[in-house]
Protein backbone atom coordinates (compact mmCIF):
# COMPACT_ATOMS: atom_id res chain seq x y z
CA MET A 1 47.50 -42.62 22.36
CA ARG A 2 45.59 -40.90 25.19
CA ARG A 3 43.86 -44.22 26.04
CA GLU A 4 47.26 -45.89 26.22
CA LEU A 5 48.55 -43.16 28.49
CA PHE A 6 45.68 -43.68 30.88
CA ALA A 7 46.44 -47.44 30.93
CA LEU A 8 50.13 -46.76 31.50
CA HIS A 9 49.61 -44.29 34.33
CA LEU A 10 46.93 -46.42 36.04
CA PRO A 11 48.85 -49.69 36.13
CA ASN A 12 46.67 -51.64 38.58
CA PRO A 13 43.49 -52.50 36.62
CA ASP A 14 42.02 -54.27 39.64
CA ARG A 15 41.86 -50.84 41.36
CA VAL A 16 40.43 -48.87 38.45
CA GLU A 17 36.77 -48.66 37.39
CA ALA A 18 36.90 -46.51 34.33
CA ASP A 19 36.36 -46.59 30.54
CA TYR A 20 39.68 -45.54 28.96
CA ALA A 21 38.01 -44.89 25.62
CA VAL A 22 35.64 -42.35 27.18
CA LEU A 23 38.48 -40.76 29.12
CA SER A 24 40.55 -40.41 25.98
CA GLU A 25 37.67 -38.57 24.26
CA LEU A 26 37.11 -36.29 27.28
CA SER A 27 40.82 -35.45 27.47
CA LYS A 28 41.19 -34.20 23.88
CA GLY A 29 43.44 -31.19 23.87
CA LEU A 30 45.38 -32.23 26.95
CA SER A 31 49.02 -33.19 26.89
CA GLY A 32 50.63 -36.41 28.12
CA GLY A 33 51.86 -34.54 31.15
CA ASP A 34 48.31 -33.35 31.85
CA ILE A 35 47.12 -36.99 31.70
CA LEU A 36 49.86 -38.04 34.08
CA ASN A 37 48.80 -35.36 36.54
CA ILE A 38 45.17 -36.36 36.21
CA CYS A 39 46.04 -39.97 37.00
CA VAL A 40 48.30 -39.07 39.94
CA ASN A 41 45.60 -36.78 41.42
CA ALA A 42 42.91 -39.43 40.95
CA ILE A 43 45.11 -42.10 42.52
CA HIS A 44 45.67 -39.80 45.46
CA ALA A 45 41.90 -39.10 45.80
CA GLY A 46 41.16 -42.81 45.64
CA SER A 47 43.63 -43.79 48.32
CA THR A 48 42.41 -41.80 51.31
CA ASP A 49 40.61 -44.63 53.03
CA LEU A 50 42.44 -46.04 56.05
CA ASN A 51 41.92 -49.53 54.64
CA PRO A 52 44.13 -50.01 51.57
CA GLU A 53 41.77 -52.77 50.39
CA ARG A 54 39.25 -50.05 49.62
CA TRP A 55 41.55 -47.90 47.50
CA MET A 56 39.95 -47.40 44.11
CA VAL A 57 40.14 -44.97 41.18
CA THR A 58 36.74 -44.38 39.54
CA GLN A 59 35.51 -42.91 36.33
CA GLY A 60 34.04 -39.97 38.27
CA MET A 61 37.37 -39.16 39.96
CA LEU A 62 39.15 -39.15 36.62
CA GLU A 63 36.43 -37.08 34.92
CA ARG A 64 36.66 -34.46 37.67
CA GLU A 65 40.41 -34.23 37.28
CA ILE A 66 40.08 -33.91 33.46
CA ALA A 67 37.55 -31.02 34.01
CA LYS A 68 40.01 -29.33 36.47
CA ALA A 69 42.87 -29.67 33.92
CA LYS A 70 40.81 -28.31 31.08
CA LYS A 71 39.56 -25.34 33.17
CA ALA A 72 43.12 -24.54 34.26
CA LYS A 73 44.38 -24.76 30.66
CA ALA A 74 41.51 -22.50 29.47
CA GLU A 75 42.15 -19.93 32.19
CA HIS A 76 45.83 -19.88 31.39
CA SER A 77 45.30 -19.51 27.67
CA GLY A 78 42.92 -16.62 28.34
CA GLU A 79 45.93 -14.63 29.56
CA LYS A 80 47.50 -14.65 26.10
CA GLY A 81 45.57 -11.57 25.04
CA LYS A 82 46.66 -9.54 28.01
CA SER A 83 49.66 -7.26 27.62
CA ARG A 84 52.77 -8.72 29.19
CA ARG A 85 56.17 -7.23 29.94
CA ARG A 86 58.76 -8.68 27.63
CA ILE A 87 61.99 -9.94 29.07
CA GLY A 88 65.00 -10.42 26.86
CA PHE A 89 66.17 -9.03 23.56
CA CYS A 90 63.79 -7.26 21.23
CA VAL A 91 64.21 -8.14 17.60
């Protein structure tokens, strides 16, 4: 399913140089929304050249975005052990 999500969110195969099978393995543990954000960020990074003919999304760009998403997810989950103020009704 992750491989299909990458293919869905990177719809122009002429502008993508990446192995979706490798990306799907690297992105284990990430949600579909995470994969969408990875693709959007990589598309943005690959479209900074003034000449649109040179716009390209590469394996390296996608791998960097996957690493960023995993790091953010790990940092966020590390906060679970910290004490937090509860809001709402106590049961």
